[in-house]
Amino acid sequence: MEYLYAALLLHKAGQEITENNLKKTLTAASVKADDSRIKATVTALKDVDIEKVLAETTISAGPAASAAPAGDAPKAEAKEEKKEDSGASAEEAAAGLGALFG
């Protein structure tokens, strides 16, 4: 994952994503750079329009992020479920465990 982060950092800084630049970025971040992974990352990103991918990702992540804070109902449901589960007695639980050990 750090290889993609380094590539995104280079992109954001307006630098070309090359093997040399990627290796320098990883080394500066105290990451032991693997030459084969660097080469694979550069090759994989060669024909990718990073701006387009970031825009698509931001658009698809936007509604999910805004919907999360509005949901107080799931918390209430979770509390109710916990109350229902506490109805099992210790004897029933022990009987279930006994079946595991024969």
PDB file of N, CA and C in Angstrom:
ATOM      1  N   MET A   1       0.820  -1.175   0.000  1.00  0.00           N
ATOM      2  CA  MET A   1       0.000   0.000   0.000  1.00  0.00           C
ATOM      3  C   MET A   1       0.874   1.252   0.000  1.00  0.00           C
ATOM      4  N   GLU A   2       2.018   1.163   0.651  1.00  0.00           N
ATOM      5  CA  GLU A   2       2.892   2.341   0.721  1.00  0.00           C
ATOM      6  C   GLU A   2       3.415   2.754  -0.657  1.00  0.00           C
ATOM      7  N   TYR A   3       3.465   1.811  -1.582  1.00  0.00           N
ATOM      8  CA  TYR A   3       3.915   2.132  -2.932  1.00  0.00           C
ATOM      9  C   TYR A   3       2.878   3.008  -3.639  1.00  0.00           C
ATOM     10  N   LEU A   4       1.607   2.706  -3.428  1.00  0.00           N
ATOM     11  CA  LEU A   4       0.551   3.540  -4.010  1.00  0.00           C
ATOM     12  C   LEU A   4       0.502   4.910  -3.336  1.00  0.00           C
ATOM     13  N   TYR A   5       0.699   4.941  -2.030  1.00  0.00           N
ATOM     14  CA  TYR A   5       0.722   6.224  -1.329  1.00  0.00           C
ATOM     15  C   TYR A   5       1.855   7.103  -1.855  1.00  0.00           C
ATOM     16  N   ALA A   6       3.000   6.505  -2.074  1.00  0.00           N
ATOM     17  CA  ALA A   6       4.141   7.259  -2.599  1.00  0.00           C
ATOM     18  C   ALA A   6       3.837   7.769  -4.008  1.00  0.00           C
ATOM     19  N   ALA A   7       3.195   6.946  -4.818  1.00  0.00           N
ATOM     20  CA  ALA A   7       2.832   7.364  -6.176  1.00  0.00           C
ATOM     21  C   ALA A   7       1.826   8.513  -6.129  1.00  0.00           C
ATOM     22  N   LEU A   8       0.855   8.447  -5.225  1.00  0.00           N
ATOM     23  CA  LEU A   8      -0.115   9.534  -5.081  1.00  0.00           C
ATOM     24  C   LEU A   8       0.554  10.813  -4.598  1.00  0.00           C
ATOM     25  N   LEU A   9       1.514  10.680  -3.717  1.00  0.00           N
ATOM     26  CA  LEU A   9       2.252  11.849  -3.239  1.00  0.00           C
ATOM     27  C   LEU A   9       3.028  12.496  -4.381  1.00  0.00           C
ATOM     28  N   LEU A  10       3.677  11.685  -5.195  1.00  0.00           N
ATOM     29  CA  LEU A  10       4.390  12.212  -6.358  1.00  0.00           C
ATOM     30  C   LEU A  10       3.420  12.912  -7.308  1.00  0.00           C
ATOM     31  N   HIS A  11       2.280  12.305  -7.531  1.00  0.00           N
ATOM     32  CA  HIS A  11       1.273  12.898  -8.418  1.00  0.00           C
ATOM     33  C   HIS A  11       0.808  14.244  -7.870  1.00  0.00           C
ATOM     34  N   LYS A  12       0.511  14.294  -6.582  1.00  0.00           N
ATOM     35  CA  LYS A  12       0.032  15.520  -5.950  1.00  0.00           C
ATOM     36  C   LYS A  12       1.095  16.619  -6.023  1.00  0.00           C
ATOM     37  N   ALA A  13       2.362  16.238  -5.943  1.00  0.00           N
ATOM     38  CA  ALA A  13       3.463  17.199  -5.997  1.00  0.00           C
ATOM     39  C   ALA A  13       3.801  17.612  -7.427  1.00  0.00           C
ATOM     40  N   GLY A  14       3.120  17.006  -8.404  1.00  0.00           N
ATOM     41  CA  GLY A  14       3.371  17.346  -9.794  1.00  0.00           C
ATOM     42  C   GLY A  14       4.611  16.687 -10.368  1.00  0.00           C
ATOM     43  N   GLN A  15       5.092  15.660  -9.708  1.00  0.00           N
ATOM     44  CA  GLN A  15       6.276  14.939 -10.165  1.00  0.00           C
ATOM     45  C   GLN A  15       5.853  13.739 -11.001  1.00  0.00           C
ATOM     46  N   GLU A  16       6.709  13.368 -11.922  1.00  0.00           N
ATOM     47  CA  GLU A  16       6.460  12.187 -12.748  1.00  0.00           C
ATOM     48  C   GLU A  16       6.652  10.936 -11.895  1.00  0.00           C
ATOM     49  N   ILE A  17       5.782   9.950 -12.097  1.00  0.00           N
ATOM     50  CA  ILE A  17       5.885   8.706 -11.341  1.00  0.00           C
ATOM     51  C   ILE A  17       6.828   7.774 -12.099  1.00  0.00           C
ATOM     52  N   THR A  18       8.084   7.809 -11.687  1.00  0.00           N
ATOM     53  CA  THR A  18       9.117   6.968 -12.282  1.00  0.00           C
ATOM     54  C   THR A  18       9.679   6.061 -11.199  1.00  0.00           C
ATOM     55  N   GLU A  19      10.413   5.048 -11.609  1.00  0.00           N
ATOM     56  CA  GLU A  19      11.024   4.135 -10.640  1.00  0.00           C
ATOM     57  C   GLU A  19      11.958   4.893  -9.697  1.00  0.00           C
ATOM     58  N   ASN A  20      12.747   5.794 -10.251  1.00  0.00           N
ATOM     59  CA  ASN A  20      13.702   6.544  -9.445  1.00  0.00           C
ATOM     60  C   ASN A  20      12.975   7.449  -8.434  1.00  0.00           C
ATOM     61  N   ASN A  21      11.965   8.188  -8.899  1.00  0.00           N
ATOM     62  CA  ASN A  21      11.225   9.079  -8.002  1.00  0.00           C
ATOM     63  C   ASN A  21      10.471   8.297  -6.923  1.00  0.00           C
ATOM     64  N   LEU A  22       9.910   7.175  -7.307  1.00  0.00           N
ATOM     65  CA  LEU A  22       9.185   6.351  -6.348  1.00  0.00           C
ATOM     66  C   LEU A  22      10.130   5.794  -5.288  1.00  0.00           C
ATOM     67  N   LYS A  23      11.290   5.356  -5.720  1.00  0.00           N
ATOM     68  CA  LYS A  23      12.278   4.818  -4.777  1.00  0.00           C
ATOM     69  C   LYS A  23      12.749   5.901  -3.815  1.00  0.00           C
ATOM     70  N   LYS A  24      13.004   7.105  -4.315  1.00  0.00           N
ATOM     71  CA  LYS A  24      13.427   8.215  -3.457  1.00  0.00           C
ATOM     72  C   LYS A  24      12.355   8.552  -2.428  1.00  0.00           C
ATOM     73  N   THR A  25      11.100   8.551  -2.866  1.00  0.00           N
ATOM     74  CA  THR A  25       9.996   8.874  -1.965  1.00  0.00           C
ATOM     75  C   THR A  25       9.855   7.826  -0.870  1.00  0.00           C
ATOM     76  N   LEU A  26       9.927   6.565  -1.246  1.00  0.00           N
ATOM     77  CA  LEU A  26       9.829   5.492  -0.257  1.00  0.00           C
ATOM     78  C   LEU A  26      10.993   5.526   0.722  1.00  0.00           C
ATOM     79  N   THR A  27      12.184   5.754   0.212  1.00  0.00           N
ATOM     80  CA  THR A  27      13.373   5.817   1.057  1.00  0.00           C
ATOM     81  C   THR A  27      13.265   6.980   2.035  1.00  0.00           C
ATOM     82  N   ALA A  28      12.757   8.122   1.569  1.00  0.00           N
ATOM     83  CA  ALA A  28      12.578   9.281   2.439  1.00  0.00           C
ATOM     84  C   ALA A  28      11.577   9.000   3.557  1.00  0.00           C
ATOM     85  N   ALA A  29      10.656   8.097   3.298  1.00  0.00           N
ATOM     86  CA  ALA A  29       9.646   7.731   4.296  1.00  0.00           C
ATOM     87  C   ALA A  29      10.103   6.538   5.154  1.00  0.00           C
ATOM     88  N   SER A  30      11.360   6.175   5.057  1.00  0.00           N
ATOM     89  CA  SER A  30      11.950   5.067   5.814  1.00  0.00           C
ATOM     90  C   SER A  30      11.317   3.719   5.493  1.00  0.00           C
ATOM     91  N   VAL A  31      10.909   3.546   4.233  1.00  0.00           N
ATOM     92  CA  VAL A  31      10.361   2.273   3.773  1.00  0.00           C
ATOM     93  C   VAL A  31      11.440   1.565   2.968  1.00  0.00           C
ATOM     94  N   LYS A  32      11.671   0.298   3.292  1.00  0.00           N
ATOM     95  CA  LYS A  32      12.634  -0.485   2.530  1.00  0.00           C
ATOM     96  C   LYS A  32      12.022  -0.758   1.158  1.00  0.00           C
ATOM     97  N   ALA A  33      12.591  -0.151   0.136  1.00  0.00           N
ATOM     98  CA  ALA A  33      12.039  -0.216  -1.215  1.00  0.00           C
ATOM     99  C   ALA A  33      12.448  -1.515  -1.910  1.00  0.00           C
ATOM    100  N   ASP A  34      11.468  -2.203  -2.456  1.00  0.00           N
ATOM    101  CA  ASP A  34      11.678  -3.426  -3.225  1.00  0.00           C
ATOM    102  C   ASP A  34      11.606  -3.058  -4.704  1.00  0.00           C
ATOM    103  N   ASP A  35      12.717  -3.221  -5.419  1.00  0.00           N
ATOM    104  CA  ASP A  35      12.799  -2.801  -6.820  1.00  0.00           C
ATOM    105  C   ASP A  35      11.739  -3.447  -7.704  1.00  0.00           C
ATOM    106  N   SER A  36      11.416  -4.705  -7.464  1.00  0.00           N
ATOM    107  CA  SER A  36      10.415  -5.369  -8.305  1.00  0.00           C
ATOM    108  C   SER A  36       9.017  -4.793  -8.053  1.00  0.00           C
ATOM    109  N   ARG A  37       8.709  -4.449  -6.813  1.00  0.00           N
ATOM    110  CA  ARG A  37       7.406  -3.850  -6.510  1.00  0.00           C
ATOM    111  C   ARG A  37       7.331  -2.426  -7.047  1.00  0.00           C
ATOM    112  N   ILE A  38       8.459  -1.723  -7.024  1.00  0.00           N
ATOM    113  CA  ILE A  38       8.494  -0.365  -7.579  1.00  0.00           C
ATOM    114  C   ILE A  38       8.210  -0.425  -9.074  1.00  0.00           C
ATOM    115  N   LYS A  39       8.909  -1.343  -9.746  1.00  0.00           N
ATOM    116  CA  LYS A  39       8.721  -1.486 -11.196  1.00  0.00           C
ATOM    117  C   LYS A  39       7.281  -1.874 -11.528  1.00  0.00           C
ATOM    118  N   ALA A  40       6.706  -2.786 -10.746  1.00  0.00           N
ATOM    119  CA  ALA A  40       5.330  -3.220 -10.980  1.00  0.00           C
ATOM    120  C   ALA A  40       4.349  -2.069 -10.763  1.00  0.00           C
ATOM    121  N   THR A  41       4.585  -1.246  -9.750  1.00  0.00           N
ATOM    122  CA  THR A  41       3.709  -0.111  -9.468  1.00  0.00           C
ATOM    123  C   THR A  41       3.763   0.910 -10.590  1.00  0.00           C
ATOM    124  N   VAL A  42       4.969   1.235 -11.032  1.00  0.00           N
ATOM    125  CA  VAL A  42       5.135   2.207 -12.113  1.00  0.00           C
ATOM    126  C   VAL A  42       4.487   1.682 -13.396  1.00  0.00           C
ATOM    127  N   THR A  43       4.676   0.406 -13.679  1.00  0.00           N
ATOM    128  CA  THR A  43       4.083  -0.192 -14.875  1.00  0.00           C
ATOM    129  C   THR A  43       2.558  -0.190 -14.789  1.00  0.00           C
ATOM    130  N   ALA A  44       2.024  -0.511 -13.628  1.00  0.00           N
ATOM    131  CA  ALA A  44       0.571  -0.565 -13.457  1.00  0.00           C
ATOM    132  C   ALA A  44      -0.069   0.815 -13.583  1.00  0.00           C
ATOM    133  N   LEU A  45       0.648   1.848 -13.178  1.00  0.00           N
ATOM    134  CA  LEU A  45       0.093   3.206 -13.204  1.00  0.00           C
ATOM    135  C   LEU A  45       0.410   3.963 -14.488  1.00  0.00           C
ATOM    136  N   LYS A  46       1.142   3.332 -15.390  1.00  0.00           N
ATOM    137  CA  LYS A  46       1.613   4.006 -16.595  1.00  0.00           C
ATOM    138  C   LYS A  46       0.478   4.619 -17.416  1.00  0.00           C
ATOM    139  N   ASP A  47      -0.597   3.888 -17.653  1.00  0.00           N
ATOM    140  CA  ASP A  47      -1.695   4.362 -18.494  1.00  0.00           C
ATOM    141  C   ASP A  47      -2.929   4.755 -17.686  1.00  0.00           C
ATOM    142  N   VAL A  48      -2.767   4.993 -16.390  1.00  0.00           N
ATOM    143  CA  VAL A  48      -3.894   5.334 -15.536  1.00  0.00           C
ATOM    144  C   VAL A  48      -3.993   6.850 -15.394  1.00  0.00           C
ATOM    145  N   ASP A  49      -5.206   7.381 -15.585  1.00  0.00           N
ATOM    146  CA  ASP A  49      -5.462   8.799 -15.353  1.00  0.00           C
ATOM    147  C   ASP A  49      -5.822   8.953 -13.872  1.00  0.00           C
ATOM    148  N   ILE A  50      -4.840   9.292 -13.062  1.00  0.00           N
ATOM    149  CA  ILE A  50      -5.014   9.332 -11.617  1.00  0.00           C
ATOM    150  C   ILE A  50      -6.078  10.343 -11.209  1.00  0.00           C
ATOM    151  N   GLU A  51      -6.123  11.494 -11.857  1.00  0.00           N
ATOM    152  CA  GLU A  51      -7.138  12.500 -11.538  1.00  0.00           C
ATOM    153  C   GLU A  51      -8.547  11.945 -11.741  1.00  0.00           C
ATOM    154  N   LYS A  52      -8.738  11.212 -12.822  1.00  0.00           N
ATOM    155  CA  LYS A  52     -10.046  10.637 -13.118  1.00  0.00           C
ATOM    156  C   LYS A  52     -10.426   9.596 -12.062  1.00  0.00           C
ATOM    157  N   VAL A  53      -9.479   8.756 -11.697  1.00  0.00           N
ATOM    158  CA  VAL A  53      -9.739   7.723 -10.691  1.00  0.00           C
ATOM    159  C   VAL A  53     -10.065   8.361  -9.347  1.00  0.00           C
ATOM    160  N   LEU A  54      -9.320   9.383  -8.972  1.00  0.00           N
ATOM    161  CA  LEU A  54      -9.581  10.060  -7.706  1.00  0.00           C
ATOM    162  C   LEU A  54     -10.950  10.732  -7.717  1.00  0.00           C
ATOM    163  N   ALA A  55     -11.320  11.329  -8.828  1.00  0.00           N
ATOM    164  CA  ALA A  55     -12.626  11.981  -8.935  1.00  0.00           C
ATOM    165  C   ALA A  55     -13.751  10.956  -8.814  1.00  0.00           C
ATOM    166  N   GLU A  56     -13.607   9.818  -9.462  1.00  0.00           N
ATOM    167  CA  GLU A  56     -14.623   8.768  -9.388  1.00  0.00           C
ATOM    168  C   GLU A  56     -14.724   8.203  -7.977  1.00  0.00           C
ATOM    169  N   THR A  57     -13.597   8.041  -7.331  1.00  0.00           N
ATOM    170  CA  THR A  57     -13.578   7.504  -5.974  1.00  0.00           C
ATOM    171  C   THR A  57     -14.219   8.484  -5.006  1.00  0.00           C
ATOM    172  N   THR A  58     -13.938   9.762  -5.170  1.00  0.00           N
ATOM    173  CA  THR A  58     -14.497  10.781  -4.292  1.00  0.00           C
ATOM    174  C   THR A  58     -16.007  10.860  -4.462  1.00  0.00           C
ATOM    175  N   ILE A  59     -16.482  10.771  -5.680  1.00  0.00           N
ATOM    176  CA  ILE A  59     -17.914  10.837  -5.935  1.00  0.00           C
ATOM    177  C   ILE A  59     -18.622   9.635  -5.325  1.00  0.00           C
ATOM    178  N   SER A  60     -18.077   8.455  -5.500  1.00  0.00           N
ATOM    179  CA  SER A  60     -18.738   7.261  -4.977  1.00  0.00           C
ATOM    180  C   SER A  60     -18.642   7.172  -3.461  1.00  0.00           C
ATOM    181  N   ALA A  61     -17.614   7.740  -2.864  1.00  0.00           N
ATOM    182  CA  ALA A  61     -17.470   7.696  -1.410  1.00  0.00           C
ATOM    183  C   ALA A  61     -18.248   8.806  -0.735  1.00  0.00           C
ATOM    184  N   GLY A  62     -18.589   9.858  -1.451  1.00  0.00           N
ATOM    185  CA  GLY A  62     -19.259  11.007  -0.866  1.00  0.00           C
ATOM    186  C   GLY A  62     -20.576  10.690  -0.196  1.00  0.00           C
ATOM    187  N   PRO A  63     -21.556  10.081  -0.878  1.00  0.00           N
ATOM    188  CA  PRO A  63     -22.849   9.822  -0.246  1.00  0.00           C
ATOM    189  C   PRO A  63     -22.756   8.890   0.955  1.00  0.00           C
ATOM    190  N   ALA A  64     -21.889   7.916   0.915  1.00  0.00           N
ATOM    191  CA  ALA A  64     -21.761   6.996   2.035  1.00  0.00           C
ATOM    192  C   ALA A  64     -21.226   7.712   3.259  1.00  0.00           C
ATOM    193  N   ALA A  65     -20.291   8.611   3.059  1.00  0.00           N
ATOM    194  CA  ALA A  65     -19.730   9.341   4.182  1.00  0.00           C
ATOM    195  C   ALA A  65     -20.743  10.293   4.786  1.00  0.00           C
ATOM    196  N   SER A  66     -21.577  10.913   3.966  1.00  0.00           N
ATOM    197  CA  SER A  66     -22.552  11.852   4.499  1.00  0.00           C
ATOM    198  C   SER A  66     -23.727  11.132   5.150  1.00  0.00           C
ATOM    199  N   ALA A  67     -23.999   9.913   4.772  1.00  0.00           N
ATOM    200  CA  ALA A  67     -25.121   9.184   5.341  1.00  0.00           C
ATOM    201  C   ALA A  67     -24.789   8.587   6.703  1.00  0.00           C
ATOM    202  N   ALA A  68     -23.551   8.359   6.995  1.00  0.00           N
ATOM    203  CA  ALA A  68     -23.167   7.700   8.235  1.00  0.00           C
ATOM    204  C   ALA A  68     -23.532   8.494   9.491  1.00  0.00           C
ATOM    205  N   PRO A  69     -23.264   9.806   9.585  1.00  0.00           N
ATOM    206  CA  PRO A  69     -23.576  10.511  10.824  1.00  0.00           C
ATOM    207  C   PRO A  69     -25.066  10.603  11.126  1.00  0.00           C
ATOM    208  N   ALA A  70     -25.924  10.513  10.129  1.00  0.00           N
ATOM    209  CA  ALA A  70     -27.355  10.692  10.339  1.00  0.00           C
ATOM    210  C   ALA A  70     -28.012   9.470  10.980  1.00  0.00           C
ATOM    211  N   GLY A  71     -27.342   8.353  11.063  1.00  0.00           N
ATOM    212  CA  GLY A  71     -27.984   7.114  11.511  1.00  0.00           C
ATOM    213  C   GLY A  71     -27.874   6.869  13.003  1.00  0.00           C
ATOM    214  N   ASP A  72     -28.795   7.388  13.795  1.00  0.00           N
ATOM    215  CA  ASP A  72     -28.838   7.064  15.213  1.00  0.00           C
ATOM    216  C   ASP A  72     -29.634   5.787  15.461  1.00  0.00           C
ATOM    217  N   ALA A  73     -30.467   5.404  14.534  1.00  0.00           N
ATOM    218  CA  ALA A  73     -31.323   4.235  14.698  1.00  0.00           C
ATOM    219  C   ALA A  73     -30.527   2.936  14.867  1.00  0.00           C
ATOM    220  N   PRO A  74     -29.447   2.701  14.128  1.00  0.00           N
ATOM    221  CA  PRO A  74     -28.721   1.442  14.322  1.00  0.00           C
ATOM    222  C   PRO A  74     -28.181   1.273  15.736  1.00  0.00           C
ATOM    223  N   LYS A  75     -27.802   2.354  16.383  1.00  0.00           N
ATOM    224  CA  LYS A  75     -27.303   2.248  17.755  1.00  0.00           C
ATOM    225  C   LYS A  75     -28.413   1.775  18.681  1.00  0.00           C
ATOM    226  N   ALA A  76     -29.617   2.320  18.512  1.00  0.00           N
ATOM    227  CA  ALA A  76     -30.741   1.923  19.347  1.00  0.00           C
ATOM    228  C   ALA A  76     -31.079   0.461  19.127  1.00  0.00           C
ATOM    229  N   GLU A  77     -31.054   0.010  17.882  1.00  0.00           N
ATOM    230  CA  GLU A  77     -31.346  -1.382  17.592  1.00  0.00           C
ATOM    231  C   GLU A  77     -30.324  -2.301  18.229  1.00  0.00           C
ATOM    232  N   ALA A  78     -29.064  -1.895  18.220  1.00  0.00           N
ATOM    233  CA  ALA A  78     -28.012  -2.718  18.795  1.00  0.00           C
ATOM    234  C   ALA A  78     -28.223  -2.880  20.295  1.00  0.00           C
ATOM    235  N   LYS A  79     -28.643  -1.835  20.973  1.00  0.00           N
ATOM    236  CA  LYS A  79     -28.895  -1.918  22.416  1.00  0.00           C
ATOM    237  C   LYS A  79     -30.034  -2.871  22.712  1.00  0.00           C
ATOM    238  N   GLU A  80     -31.087  -2.822  21.892  1.00  0.00           N
ATOM    239  CA  GLU A  80     -32.228  -3.704  22.100  1.00  0.00           C
ATOM    240  C   GLU A  80     -31.833  -5.159  21.894  1.00  0.00           C
ATOM    241  N   GLU A  81     -30.992  -5.428  20.914  1.00  0.00           N
ATOM    242  CA  GLU A  81     -30.559  -6.794  20.661  1.00  0.00           C
ATOM    243  C   GLU A  81     -29.760  -7.350  21.827  1.00  0.00           C
ATOM    244  N   LYS A  82     -28.941  -6.525  22.426  1.00  0.00           N
ATOM    245  CA  LYS A  82     -28.147  -6.982  23.566  1.00  0.00           C
ATOM    246  C   LYS A  82     -29.042  -7.392  24.722  1.00  0.00           C
ATOM    247  N   LYS A  83     -30.118  -6.666  24.942  1.00  0.00           N
ATOM    248  CA  LYS A  83     -31.039  -6.999  26.017  1.00  0.00           C
ATOM    249  C   LYS A  83     -31.693  -8.346  25.775  1.00  0.00           C
ATOM    250  N   GLU A  84     -32.051  -8.633  24.540  1.00  0.00           N
ATOM    251  CA  GLU A  84     -32.687  -9.908  24.214  1.00  0.00           C
ATOM    252  C   GLU A  84     -31.724 -11.069  24.398  1.00  0.00           C
ATOM    253  N   ASP A  85     -30.454 -10.895  24.053  1.00  0.00           N
ATOM    254  CA  ASP A  85     -29.471 -11.953  24.163  1.00  0.00           C
ATOM    255  C   ASP A  85     -29.153 -12.303  25.611  1.00  0.00           C
ATOM    256  N   SER A  86     -29.306 -11.357  26.529  1.00  0.00           N
ATOM    257  CA  SER A  86     -28.951 -11.605  27.920  1.00  0.00           C
ATOM    258  C   SER A  86     -29.966 -12.514  28.601  1.00  0.00           C
ATOM    259  N   GLY A  87     -31.031 -12.916  27.914  1.00  0.00           N
ATOM    260  CA  GLY A  87     -32.064 -13.768  28.482  1.00  0.00           C
ATOM    261  C   GLY A  87     -31.622 -15.213  28.662  1.00  0.00           C
ATOM    262  N   ALA A  88     -30.557 -15.659  28.057  1.00  0.00           N
ATOM    263  CA  ALA A  88     -30.095 -17.034  28.191  1.00  0.00           C
ATOM    264  C   ALA A  88     -29.498 -17.237  29.576  1.00  0.00           C
ATOM    265  N   SER A  89     -29.858 -18.345  30.211  1.00  0.00           N
ATOM    266  CA  SER A  89     -29.344 -18.598  31.555  1.00  0.00           C
ATOM    267  C   SER A  89     -27.959 -19.235  31.484  1.00  0.00           C
ATOM    268  N   ALA A  90     -27.288 -19.224  32.605  1.00  0.00           N
ATOM    269  CA  ALA A  90     -25.957 -19.814  32.688  1.00  0.00           C
ATOM    270  C   ALA A  90     -26.023 -21.320  32.468  1.00  0.00           C
ATOM    271  N   GLU A  91     -27.125 -21.944  32.905  1.00  0.00           N
ATOM    272  CA  GLU A  91     -27.283 -23.390  32.737  1.00  0.00           C
ATOM    273  C   GLU A  91     -27.390 -23.759  31.251  1.00  0.00           C
ATOM    274  N   GLU A  92     -28.145 -22.950  30.492  1.00  0.00           N
ATOM    275  CA  GLU A  92     -28.289 -23.212  29.064  1.00  0.00           C
ATOM    276  C   GLU A  92     -26.947 -23.072  28.354  1.00  0.00           C
ATOM    277  N   ALA A  93     -26.180 -22.074  28.755  1.00  0.00           N
ATOM    278  CA  ALA A  93     -24.869 -21.864  28.147  1.00  0.00           C
ATOM    279  C   ALA A  93     -23.945 -23.028  28.478  1.00  0.00           C
ATOM    280  N   ALA A  94     -23.976 -23.498  29.722  1.00  0.00           N
ATOM    281  CA  ALA A  94     -23.120 -24.607  30.128  1.00  0.00           C
ATOM    282  C   ALA A  94     -23.506 -25.878  29.390  1.00  0.00           C
ATOM    283  N   ALA A  95     -24.805 -26.075  29.173  1.00  0.00           N
ATOM    284  CA  ALA A  95     -25.253 -27.261  28.460  1.00  0.00           C
ATOM    285  C   ALA A  95     -24.758 -27.248  27.028  1.00  0.00           C
ATOM    286  N   GLY A  96     -24.749 -26.066  26.422  1.00  0.00           N
ATOM    287  CA  GLY A  96     -24.256 -25.949  25.068  1.00  0.00           C
ATOM    288  C   GLY A  96     -22.771 -26.243  24.978  1.00  0.00           C
ATOM    289  N   LEU A  97     -22.014 -25.791  25.968  1.00  0.00           N
ATOM    290  CA  LEU A  97     -20.567 -26.059  25.986  1.00  0.00           C
ATOM    291  C   LEU A  97     -20.284 -27.527  26.251  1.00  0.00           C
ATOM    292  N   GLY A  98     -21.117 -28.148  27.054  1.00  0.00           N
ATOM    293  CA  GLY A  98     -20.928 -29.558  27.341  1.00  0.00           C
ATOM    294  C   GLY A  98     -21.024 -30.414  26.095  1.00  0.00           C
ATOM    295  N   ALA A  99     -21.860 -30.018  25.164  1.00  0.00           N
ATOM    296  CA  ALA A  99     -22.017 -30.760  23.924  1.00  0.00           C
ATOM    297  C   ALA A  99     -20.734 -30.746  23.100  1.00  0.00           C
ATOM    298  N   LEU A 100     -19.949 -29.707  23.272  1.00  0.00           N
ATOM    299  CA  LEU A 100     -18.688 -29.625  22.514  1.00  0.00           C
ATOM    300  C   LEU A 100     -17.687 -30.675  22.974  1.00  0.00           C
ATOM    301  N   PHE A 101     -17.711 -30.998  24.265  1.00  0.00           N
ATOM    302  CA  PHE A 101     -16.713 -31.891  24.828  1.00  0.00           C
ATOM    303  C   PHE A 101     -17.235 -33.307  25.051  1.00  0.00           C
ATOM    304  N   GLY A 102     -18.454 -33.568  24.646  1.00  0.00           N
ATOM    305  CA  GLY A 102     -19.031 -34.889  24.669  1.00  0.00           C
ATOM    306  C   GLY A 102     -19.362 -35.382  26.001  1.00  0.00           C
TER     307      GLY A 102
END
